[in-house]
PDB file of N, CA and C in Angstrom:
ATOM      1  N   MET A   1     -21.001  28.983 -23.305  1.00  0.00           N
ATOM      2  CA  MET A   1     -20.073  28.582 -22.260  1.00  0.00           C
ATOM      3  C   MET A   1     -20.092  27.069 -22.103  1.00  0.00           C
ATOM      4  N   ALA A   2     -18.908  26.509 -21.977  1.00  0.00           N
ATOM      5  CA  ALA A   2     -18.778  25.073 -21.776  1.00  0.00           C
ATOM      6  C   ALA A   2     -18.964  24.733 -20.304  1.00  0.00           C
ATOM      7  N   LYS A   3     -19.639  23.627 -20.072  1.00  0.00           N
ATOM      8  CA  LYS A   3     -19.825  23.170 -18.687  1.00  0.00           C
ATOM      9  C   LYS A   3     -18.529  22.585 -18.163  1.00  0.00           C
ATOM     10  N   GLN A   4     -18.220  22.860 -16.915  1.00  0.00           N
ATOM     11  CA  GLN A   4     -17.051  22.250 -16.298  1.00  0.00           C
ATOM     12  C   GLN A   4     -17.457  20.918 -15.695  1.00  0.00           C
ATOM     13  N   LYS A   5     -16.579  19.918 -15.885  1.00  0.00           N
ATOM     14  CA  LYS A   5     -16.848  18.608 -15.300  1.00  0.00           C
ATOM     15  C   LYS A   5     -16.600  18.668 -13.798  1.00  0.00           C
ATOM     16  N   LYS A   6     -17.386  17.924 -13.058  1.00  0.00           N
ATOM     17  CA  LYS A   6     -17.151  17.823 -11.624  1.00  0.00           C
ATOM     18  C   LYS A   6     -15.891  17.000 -11.390  1.00  0.00           C
ATOM     19  N   GLN A   7     -15.055  17.465 -10.490  1.00  0.00           N
ATOM     20  CA  GLN A   7     -13.862  16.707 -10.144  1.00  0.00           C
ATOM     21  C   GLN A   7     -14.224  15.707  -9.049  1.00  0.00           C
ATOM     22  N   PRO A   8     -13.903  14.429  -9.265  1.00  0.00           N
ATOM     23  CA  PRO A   8     -14.203  13.445  -8.220  1.00  0.00           C
ATOM     24  C   PRO A   8     -13.305  13.666  -7.006  1.00  0.00           C
ATOM     25  N   LEU A   9     -13.895  13.607  -5.834  1.00  0.00           N
ATOM     26  CA  LEU A   9     -13.153  13.761  -4.588  1.00  0.00           C
ATOM     27  C   LEU A   9     -12.959  12.396  -3.941  1.00  0.00           C
ATOM     28  N   ARG A  10     -11.814  12.203  -3.323  1.00  0.00           N
ATOM     29  CA  ARG A  10     -11.516  10.974  -2.594  1.00  0.00           C
ATOM     30  C   ARG A  10     -10.917  11.350  -1.245  1.00  0.00           C
ATOM     31  N   LYS A  11     -11.037  10.426  -0.290  1.00  0.00           N
ATOM     32  CA  LYS A  11     -10.558  10.685   1.065  1.00  0.00           C
ATOM     33  C   LYS A  11      -9.249   9.956   1.314  1.00  0.00           C
ATOM     34  N   CYS A  12      -8.268  10.681   1.850  1.00  0.00           N
ATOM     35  CA  CYS A  12      -7.004  10.072   2.258  1.00  0.00           C
ATOM     36  C   CYS A  12      -7.280   9.175   3.469  1.00  0.00           C
ATOM     37  N   VAL A  13      -6.755   7.945   3.443  1.00  0.00           N
ATOM     38  CA  VAL A  13      -7.040   7.008   4.521  1.00  0.00           C
ATOM     39  C   VAL A  13      -6.301   7.359   5.810  1.00  0.00           C
ATOM     40  N   ILE A  14      -5.315   8.230   5.737  1.00  0.00           N
ATOM     41  CA  ILE A  14      -4.559   8.622   6.925  1.00  0.00           C
ATOM     42  C   ILE A  14      -5.089   9.928   7.510  1.00  0.00           C
ATOM     43  N   THR A  15      -5.165  10.985   6.693  1.00  0.00           N
ATOM     44  CA  THR A  15      -5.565  12.298   7.193  1.00  0.00           C
ATOM     45  C   THR A  15      -7.072  12.491   7.246  1.00  0.00           C
ATOM     46  N   GLN A  16      -7.823  11.610   6.554  1.00  0.00           N
ATOM     47  CA  GLN A  16      -9.288  11.687   6.472  1.00  0.00           C
ATOM     48  C   GLN A  16      -9.762  12.987   5.818  1.00  0.00           C
ATOM     49  N   GLU A  17      -8.909  13.620   4.990  1.00  0.00           N
ATOM     50  CA  GLU A  17      -9.274  14.829   4.274  1.00  0.00           C
ATOM     51  C   GLU A  17      -9.686  14.473   2.852  1.00  0.00           C
ATOM     52  N   MET A  18     -10.624  15.236   2.316  1.00  0.00           N
ATOM     53  CA  MET A  18     -11.073  15.037   0.937  1.00  0.00           C
ATOM     54  C   MET A  18     -10.206  15.869   0.001  1.00  0.00           C
ATOM     55  N   PHE A  19      -9.756  15.246  -1.085  1.00  0.00           N
ATOM     56  CA  PHE A  19      -8.948  15.905  -2.097  1.00  0.00           C
ATOM     57  C   PHE A  19      -9.455  15.498  -3.469  1.00  0.00           C
ATOM     58  N   PRO A  20      -9.164  16.315  -4.501  1.00  0.00           N
ATOM     59  CA  PRO A  20      -9.439  15.840  -5.858  1.00  0.00           C
ATOM     60  C   PRO A  20      -8.638  14.565  -6.132  1.00  0.00           C
ATOM     61  N   LYS A  21      -9.226  13.654  -6.866  1.00  0.00           N
ATOM     62  CA  LYS A  21      -8.632  12.338  -7.107  1.00  0.00           C
ATOM     63  C   LYS A  21      -7.219  12.420  -7.664  1.00  0.00           C
ATOM     64  N   LYS A  22      -6.954  13.393  -8.524  1.00  0.00           N
ATOM     65  CA  LYS A  22      -5.639  13.511  -9.166  1.00  0.00           C
ATOM     66  C   LYS A  22      -4.540  13.944  -8.198  1.00  0.00           C
ATOM     67  N   GLU A  23      -4.895  14.478  -7.034  1.00  0.00           N
ATOM     68  CA  GLU A  23      -3.912  14.929  -6.063  1.00  0.00           C
ATOM     69  C   GLU A  23      -3.500  13.823  -5.095  1.00  0.00           C
ATOM     70  N   LEU A  24      -4.101  12.653  -5.209  1.00  0.00           N
ATOM     71  CA  LEU A  24      -3.811  11.553  -4.302  1.00  0.00           C
ATOM     72  C   LEU A  24      -3.125  10.408  -5.035  1.00  0.00           C
ATOM     73  N   ILE A  25      -2.504   9.524  -4.267  1.00  0.00           N
ATOM     74  CA  ILE A  25      -1.894   8.315  -4.806  1.00  0.00           C
ATOM     75  C   ILE A  25      -2.827   7.157  -4.484  1.00  0.00           C
ATOM     76  N   ARG A  26      -3.126   6.336  -5.481  1.00  0.00           N
ATOM     77  CA  ARG A  26      -4.005   5.186  -5.269  1.00  0.00           C
ATOM     78  C   ARG A  26      -3.169   3.920  -5.159  1.00  0.00           C
ATOM     79  N   VAL A  27      -3.423   3.157  -4.107  1.00  0.00           N
ATOM     80  CA  VAL A  27      -2.782   1.860  -3.903  1.00  0.00           C
ATOM     81  C   VAL A  27      -3.888   0.812  -4.048  1.00  0.00           C
ATOM     82  N   VAL A  28      -3.606  -0.240  -4.822  1.00  0.00           N
ATOM     83  CA  VAL A  28      -4.635  -1.212  -5.188  1.00  0.00           C
ATOM     84  C   VAL A  28      -4.240  -2.625  -4.774  1.00  0.00           C
ATOM     85  N   ARG A  29      -5.252  -3.395  -4.328  1.00  0.00           N
ATOM     86  CA  ARG A  29      -5.101  -4.845  -4.155  1.00  0.00           C
ATOM     87  C   ARG A  29      -6.036  -5.493  -5.168  1.00  0.00           C
ATOM     88  N   ASN A  30      -5.456  -6.297  -6.067  1.00  0.00           N
ATOM     89  CA  ASN A  30      -6.283  -6.939  -7.093  1.00  0.00           C
ATOM     90  C   ASN A  30      -6.792  -8.295  -6.602  1.00  0.00           C
ATOM     91  N   LYS A  31      -7.505  -9.016  -7.455  1.00  0.00           N
ATOM     92  CA  LYS A  31      -8.109 -10.298  -7.069  1.00  0.00           C
ATOM     93  C   LYS A  31      -7.075 -11.342  -6.673  1.00  0.00           C
ATOM     94  N   GLU A  32      -5.871 -11.253  -7.261  1.00  0.00           N
ATOM     95  CA  GLU A  32      -4.815 -12.219  -6.942  1.00  0.00           C
ATOM     96  C   GLU A  32      -4.146 -11.906  -5.598  1.00  0.00           C
ATOM     97  N   GLY A  33      -4.449 -10.737  -5.018  1.00  0.00           N
ATOM     98  CA  GLY A  33      -3.866 -10.364  -3.735  1.00  0.00           C
ATOM     99  C   GLY A  33      -2.615  -9.520  -3.865  1.00  0.00           C
ATOM    100  N   ASP A  34      -2.261  -9.132  -5.101  1.00  0.00           N
ATOM    101  CA  ASP A  34      -1.091  -8.274  -5.305  1.00  0.00           C
ATOM    102  C   ASP A  34      -1.436  -6.842  -4.908  1.00  0.00           C
ATOM    103  N   VAL A  35      -0.513  -6.182  -4.213  1.00  0.00           N
ATOM    104  CA  VAL A  35      -0.701  -4.793  -3.813  1.00  0.00           C
ATOM    105  C   VAL A  35       0.336  -3.957  -4.558  1.00  0.00           C
ATOM    106  N   PHE A  36      -0.139  -2.889  -5.221  1.00  0.00           N
ATOM    107  CA  PHE A  36       0.761  -2.063  -6.017  1.00  0.00           C
ATOM    108  C   PHE A  36       0.200  -0.649  -6.151  1.00  0.00           C
ATOM    109  N   ILE A  37       1.050   0.269  -6.625  1.00  0.00           N
ATOM    110  CA  ILE A  37       0.638   1.652  -6.863  1.00  0.00           C
ATOM    111  C   ILE A  37      -0.064   1.717  -8.210  1.00  0.00           C
ATOM    112  N   ASP A  38      -1.228   2.328  -8.219  1.00  0.00           N
ATOM    113  CA  ASP A  38      -1.998   2.488  -9.454  1.00  0.00           C
ATOM    114  C   ASP A  38      -1.732   3.882 -10.006  1.00  0.00           C
ATOM    115  N   LYS A  39      -0.842   3.967 -10.977  1.00  0.00           N
ATOM    116  CA  LYS A  39      -0.473   5.270 -11.539  1.00  0.00           C
ATOM    117  C   LYS A  39      -1.545   5.822 -12.472  1.00  0.00           C
ATOM    118  N   THR A  40      -2.391   4.954 -13.029  1.00  0.00           N
ATOM    119  CA  THR A  40      -3.443   5.418 -13.936  1.00  0.00           C
ATOM    120  C   THR A  40      -4.713   5.803 -13.185  1.00  0.00           C
ATOM    121  N   GLY A  41      -4.922   5.218 -12.009  1.00  0.00           N
ATOM    122  CA  GLY A  41      -6.138   5.477 -11.244  1.00  0.00           C
ATOM    123  C   GLY A  41      -7.329   4.686 -11.737  1.00  0.00           C
ATOM    124  N   LYS A  42      -7.089   3.708 -12.621  1.00  0.00           N
ATOM    125  CA  LYS A  42      -8.202   2.972 -13.216  1.00  0.00           C
ATOM    126  C   LYS A  42      -8.066   1.453 -13.104  1.00  0.00           C
ATOM    127  N   GLN A  43      -7.094   0.968 -12.364  1.00  0.00           N
ATOM    128  CA  GLN A  43      -6.894  -0.480 -12.239  1.00  0.00           C
ATOM    129  C   GLN A  43      -8.054  -1.109 -11.466  1.00  0.00           C
ATOM    130  N   ASN A  44      -8.365  -2.354 -11.796  1.00  0.00           N
ATOM    131  CA  ASN A  44      -9.403  -3.087 -11.076  1.00  0.00           C
ATOM    132  C   ASN A  44      -8.882  -3.500  -9.709  1.00  0.00           C
ATOM    133  N   GLY A  45      -9.758  -3.484  -8.737  1.00  0.00           N
ATOM    134  CA  GLY A  45      -9.397  -3.959  -7.413  1.00  0.00           C
ATOM    135  C   GLY A  45      -9.783  -2.981  -6.330  1.00  0.00           C
ATOM    136  N   ARG A  46      -9.494  -3.382  -5.115  1.00  0.00           N
ATOM    137  CA  ARG A  46      -9.774  -2.569  -3.931  1.00  0.00           C
ATOM    138  C   ARG A  46      -8.728  -1.475  -3.828  1.00  0.00           C
ATOM    139  N   GLY A  47      -9.155  -0.230  -3.723  1.00  0.00           N
ATOM    140  CA  GLY A  47      -8.218   0.880  -3.698  1.00  0.00           C
ATOM    141  C   GLY A  47      -8.238   1.644  -2.396  1.00  0.00           C
ATOM    142  N   ALA A  48      -7.102   2.229  -2.071  1.00  0.00           N
ATOM    143  CA  ALA A  48      -6.974   3.133  -0.928  1.00  0.00           C
ATOM    144  C   ALA A  48      -6.158   4.329  -1.396  1.00  0.00           C
ATOM    145  N   TYR A  49      -6.522   5.507  -0.941  1.00  0.00           N
ATOM    146  CA  TYR A  49      -5.873   6.729  -1.388  1.00  0.00           C
ATOM    147  C   TYR A  49      -5.013   7.321  -0.281  1.00  0.00           C
ATOM    148  N   LEU A  50      -3.835   7.839  -0.671  1.00  0.00           N
ATOM    149  CA  LEU A  50      -2.918   8.500   0.249  1.00  0.00           C
ATOM    150  C   LEU A  50      -2.539   9.868  -0.296  1.00  0.00           C
ATOM    151  N   SER A  51      -2.359  10.826   0.596  1.00  0.00           N
ATOM    152  CA  SER A  51      -1.891  12.150   0.194  1.00  0.00           C
ATOM    153  C   SER A  51      -0.464  12.060  -0.326  1.00  0.00           C
ATOM    154  N   ARG A  52      -0.110  12.970  -1.206  1.00  0.00           N
ATOM    155  CA  ARG A  52       1.257  13.017  -1.744  1.00  0.00           C
ATOM    156  C   ARG A  52       2.140  13.777  -0.765  1.00  0.00           C
ATOM    157  N   ASP A  53       2.318  13.210   0.415  1.00  0.00           N
ATOM    158  CA  ASP A  53       3.080  13.849   1.472  1.00  0.00           C
ATOM    159  C   ASP A  53       3.932  12.788   2.170  1.00  0.00           C
ATOM    160  N   VAL A  54       5.200  13.104   2.392  1.00  0.00           N
ATOM    161  CA  VAL A  54       6.120  12.139   2.997  1.00  0.00           C
ATOM    162  C   VAL A  54       5.658  11.745   4.396  1.00  0.00           C
ATOM    163  N   SER A  55       5.204  12.721   5.178  1.00  0.00           N
ATOM    164  CA  SER A  55       4.783  12.417   6.552  1.00  0.00           C
ATOM    165  C   SER A  55       3.556  11.499   6.567  1.00  0.00           C
ATOM    166  N   THR A  56       2.665  11.655   5.601  1.00  0.00           N
ATOM    167  CA  THR A  56       1.487  10.790   5.513  1.00  0.00           C
ATOM    168  C   THR A  56       1.892   9.356   5.212  1.00  0.00           C
ATOM    169  N   ILE A  57       2.838   9.179   4.292  1.00  0.00           N
ATOM    170  CA  ILE A  57       3.295   7.838   3.939  1.00  0.00           C
ATOM    171  C   ILE A  57       4.028   7.192   5.108  1.00  0.00           C
ATOM    172  N   GLU A  58       4.832   7.981   5.826  1.00  0.00           N
ATOM    173  CA  GLU A  58       5.524   7.465   7.011  1.00  0.00           C
ATOM    174  C   GLU A  58       4.513   7.016   8.067  1.00  0.00           C
ATOM    175  N   LYS A  59       3.456   7.797   8.251  1.00  0.00           N
ATOM    176  CA  LYS A  59       2.430   7.439   9.240  1.00  0.00           C
ATOM    177  C   LYS A  59       1.700   6.167   8.820  1.00  0.00           C
ATOM    178  N   ALA A  60       1.433   6.032   7.511  1.00  0.00           N
ATOM    179  CA  ALA A  60       0.774   4.821   7.006  1.00  0.00           C
ATOM    180  C   ALA A  60       1.652   3.602   7.254  1.00  0.00           C
ATOM    181  N   LYS A  61       2.958   3.770   7.112  1.00  0.00           N
ATOM    182  CA  LYS A  61       3.908   2.676   7.343  1.00  0.00           C
ATOM    183  C   LYS A  61       3.914   2.277   8.820  1.00  0.00           C
ATOM    184  N   GLN A  62       3.924   3.268   9.705  1.00  0.00           N
ATOM    185  CA  GLN A  62       3.967   2.993  11.142  1.00  0.00           C
ATOM    186  C   GLN A  62       2.689   2.333  11.639  1.00  0.00           C
ATOM    187  N   THR A  63       1.544   2.829  11.173  1.00  0.00           N
ATOM    188  CA  THR A  63       0.268   2.333  11.685  1.00  0.00           C
ATOM    189  C   THR A  63      -0.267   1.130  10.911  1.00  0.00           C
ATOM    190  N   LYS A  64       0.401   0.788   9.789  1.00  0.00           N
ATOM    191  CA  LYS A  64      -0.035  -0.316   8.927  1.00  0.00           C
ATOM    192  C   LYS A  64      -1.485  -0.124   8.477  1.00  0.00           C
ATOM    193  N   ALA A  65      -1.827   1.121   8.171  1.00  0.00           N
ATOM    194  CA  ALA A  65      -3.194   1.459   7.759  1.00  0.00           C
ATOM    195  C   ALA A  65      -3.575   0.805   6.439  1.00  0.00           C
ATOM    196  N   LEU A  66      -2.618   0.680   5.514  1.00  0.00           N
ATOM    197  CA  LEU A  66      -2.938   0.057   4.226  1.00  0.00           C
ATOM    198  C   LEU A  66      -3.281  -1.418   4.401  1.00  0.00           C
ATOM    199  N   ASN A  67      -2.660  -2.084   5.366  1.00  0.00           N
ATOM    200  CA  ASN A  67      -3.000  -3.485   5.642  1.00  0.00           C
ATOM    201  C   ASN A  67      -4.485  -3.605   5.996  1.00  0.00           C
ATOM    202  N   ARG A  68      -4.969  -2.693   6.822  1.00  0.00           N
ATOM    203  CA  ARG A  68      -6.371  -2.728   7.251  1.00  0.00           C
ATOM    204  C   ARG A  68      -7.315  -2.362   6.107  1.00  0.00           C
ATOM    205  N   HIS A  69      -6.991  -1.308   5.373  1.00  0.00           N
ATOM    206  CA  HIS A  69      -7.894  -0.834   4.323  1.00  0.00           C
ATOM    207  C   HIS A  69      -7.963  -1.774   3.131  1.00  0.00           C
ATOM    208  N   LEU A  70      -6.851  -2.443   2.831  1.00  0.00           N
ATOM    209  CA  LEU A  70      -6.821  -3.326   1.670  1.00  0.00           C
ATOM    210  C   LEU A  70      -7.025  -4.796   2.037  1.00  0.00           C
ATOM    211  N   ASN A  71      -7.118  -5.087   3.329  1.00  0.00           N
ATOM    212  CA  ASN A  71      -7.269  -6.468   3.806  1.00  0.00           C
ATOM    213  C   ASN A  71      -6.198  -7.383   3.212  1.00  0.00           C
ATOM    214  N   ALA A  72      -4.950  -6.918   3.256  1.00  0.00           N
ATOM    215  CA  ALA A  72      -3.831  -7.674   2.683  1.00  0.00           C
ATOM    216  C   ALA A  72      -2.551  -7.306   3.420  1.00  0.00           C
ATOM    217  N   ASP A  73      -1.548  -8.166   3.303  1.00  0.00           N
ATOM    218  CA  ASP A  73      -0.237  -7.854   3.853  1.00  0.00           C
ATOM    219  C   ASP A  73       0.513  -6.989   2.859  1.00  0.00           C
ATOM    220  N   VAL A  74       0.802  -5.753   3.251  1.00  0.00           N
ATOM    221  CA  VAL A  74       1.510  -4.818   2.379  1.00  0.00           C
ATOM    222  C   VAL A  74       2.996  -4.928   2.676  1.00  0.00           C
ATOM    223  N   ASP A  75       3.770  -5.174   1.632  1.00  0.00           N
ATOM    224  CA  ASP A  75       5.214  -5.334   1.764  1.00  0.00           C
ATOM    225  C   ASP A  75       5.862  -3.981   2.058  1.00  0.00           C
ATOM    226  N   GLU A  76       6.947  -3.993   2.829  1.00  0.00           N
ATOM    227  CA  GLU A  76       7.662  -2.766   3.185  1.00  0.00           C
ATOM    228  C   GLU A  76       8.202  -2.045   1.952  1.00  0.00           C
ATOM    229  N   THR A  77       8.505  -2.783   0.894  1.00  0.00           N
ATOM    230  CA  THR A  77       9.056  -2.147  -0.306  1.00  0.00           C
ATOM    231  C   THR A  77       8.035  -1.232  -0.983  1.00  0.00           C
ATOM    232  N   LEU A  78       6.738  -1.491  -0.776  1.00  0.00           N
ATOM    233  CA  LEU A  78       5.716  -0.633  -1.359  1.00  0.00           C
ATOM    234  C   LEU A  78       5.816   0.775  -0.777  1.00  0.00           C
ATOM    235  N   TYR A  79       6.099   0.881   0.515  1.00  0.00           N
ATOM    236  CA  TYR A  79       6.231   2.197   1.129  1.00  0.00           C
ATOM    237  C   TYR A  79       7.438   2.937   0.560  1.00  0.00           C
ATOM    238  N   ASP A  80       8.520   2.202   0.275  1.00  0.00           N
ATOM    239  CA  ASP A  80       9.687   2.821  -0.354  1.00  0.00           C
ATOM    240  C   ASP A  80       9.324   3.330  -1.751  1.00  0.00           C
ATOM    241  N   GLU A  81       8.540   2.541  -2.492  1.00  0.00           N
ATOM    242  CA  GLU A  81       8.081   2.969  -3.821  1.00  0.00           C
ATOM    243  C   GLU A  81       7.212   4.216  -3.711  1.00  0.00           C
ATOM    244  N   LEU A  82       6.351   4.264  -2.689  1.00  0.00           N
ATOM    245  CA  LEU A  82       5.494   5.430  -2.487  1.00  0.00           C
ATOM    246  C   LEU A  82       6.329   6.677  -2.205  1.00  0.00           C
ATOM    247  N   LEU A  83       7.329   6.539  -1.342  1.00  0.00           N
ATOM    248  CA  LEU A  83       8.194   7.672  -1.027  1.00  0.00           C
ATOM    249  C   LEU A  83       8.950   8.140  -2.267  1.00  0.00           C
ATOM    250  N   GLN A  84       9.408   7.208  -3.077  1.00  0.00           N
ATOM    251  CA  GLN A  84      10.109   7.551  -4.308  1.00  0.00           C
ATOM    252  C   GLN A  84       9.152   8.252  -5.283  1.00  0.00           C
ATOM    253  N   HIS A  85       7.922   7.772  -5.366  1.00  0.00           N
ATOM    254  CA  HIS A  85       6.911   8.351  -6.247  1.00  0.00           C
ATOM    255  C   HIS A  85       6.614   9.792  -5.838  1.00  0.00           C
ATOM    256  N   VAL A  86       6.540  10.047  -4.532  1.00  0.00           N
ATOM    257  CA  VAL A  86       6.266  11.404  -4.039  1.00  0.00           C
ATOM    258  C   VAL A  86       7.449  12.321  -4.345  1.00  0.00           C
ATOM    259  N   SER A  87       8.665  11.836  -4.157  1.00  0.00           N
ATOM    260  CA  SER A  87       9.829  12.690  -4.410  1.00  0.00           C
ATOM    261  C   SER A  87       9.986  12.998  -5.905  1.00  0.00           C
ATOM    262  N   GLU A  88       9.586  12.061  -6.788  1.00  0.00           N
ATOM    263  CA  GLU A  88       9.654  12.283  -8.226  1.00  0.00           C
ATOM    264  C   GLU A  88       8.634  13.326  -8.671  1.00  0.00           C
ATOM    265  N   SER A  89       7.449  13.295  -8.076  1.00  0.00           N
ATOM    266  CA  SER A  89       6.389  14.196  -8.512  1.00  0.00           C
ATOM    267  C   SER A  89       6.523  15.602  -7.918  1.00  0.00           C
ATOM    268  N   SER A  90       7.408  15.778  -6.953  1.00  0.00           N
ATOM    269  CA  SER A  90       7.584  17.101  -6.325  1.00  0.00           C
ATOM    270  C   SER A  90       8.426  18.023  -7.159  1.00  0.00           C
TER     271      SER A  90
END
């Protein structure tokens, strides 16, 4: 029998629930201060995870939670990209 690999768990910064890493969206701030969606999950920089849920992204936009977690000014267009990313993956 082959051993199963452990799935890494990450916490959504809005709902505070633990999910497998592949079920979440990672947003990254790199050393230059750029904030973007990490589609590979392996980019260098400070990361924050969000659930793939429209209401979660809307709440993050309202509360500016990504600004706090990433210690950066997150542009409004990033939230639009997140919403588009969620609708594409559904």
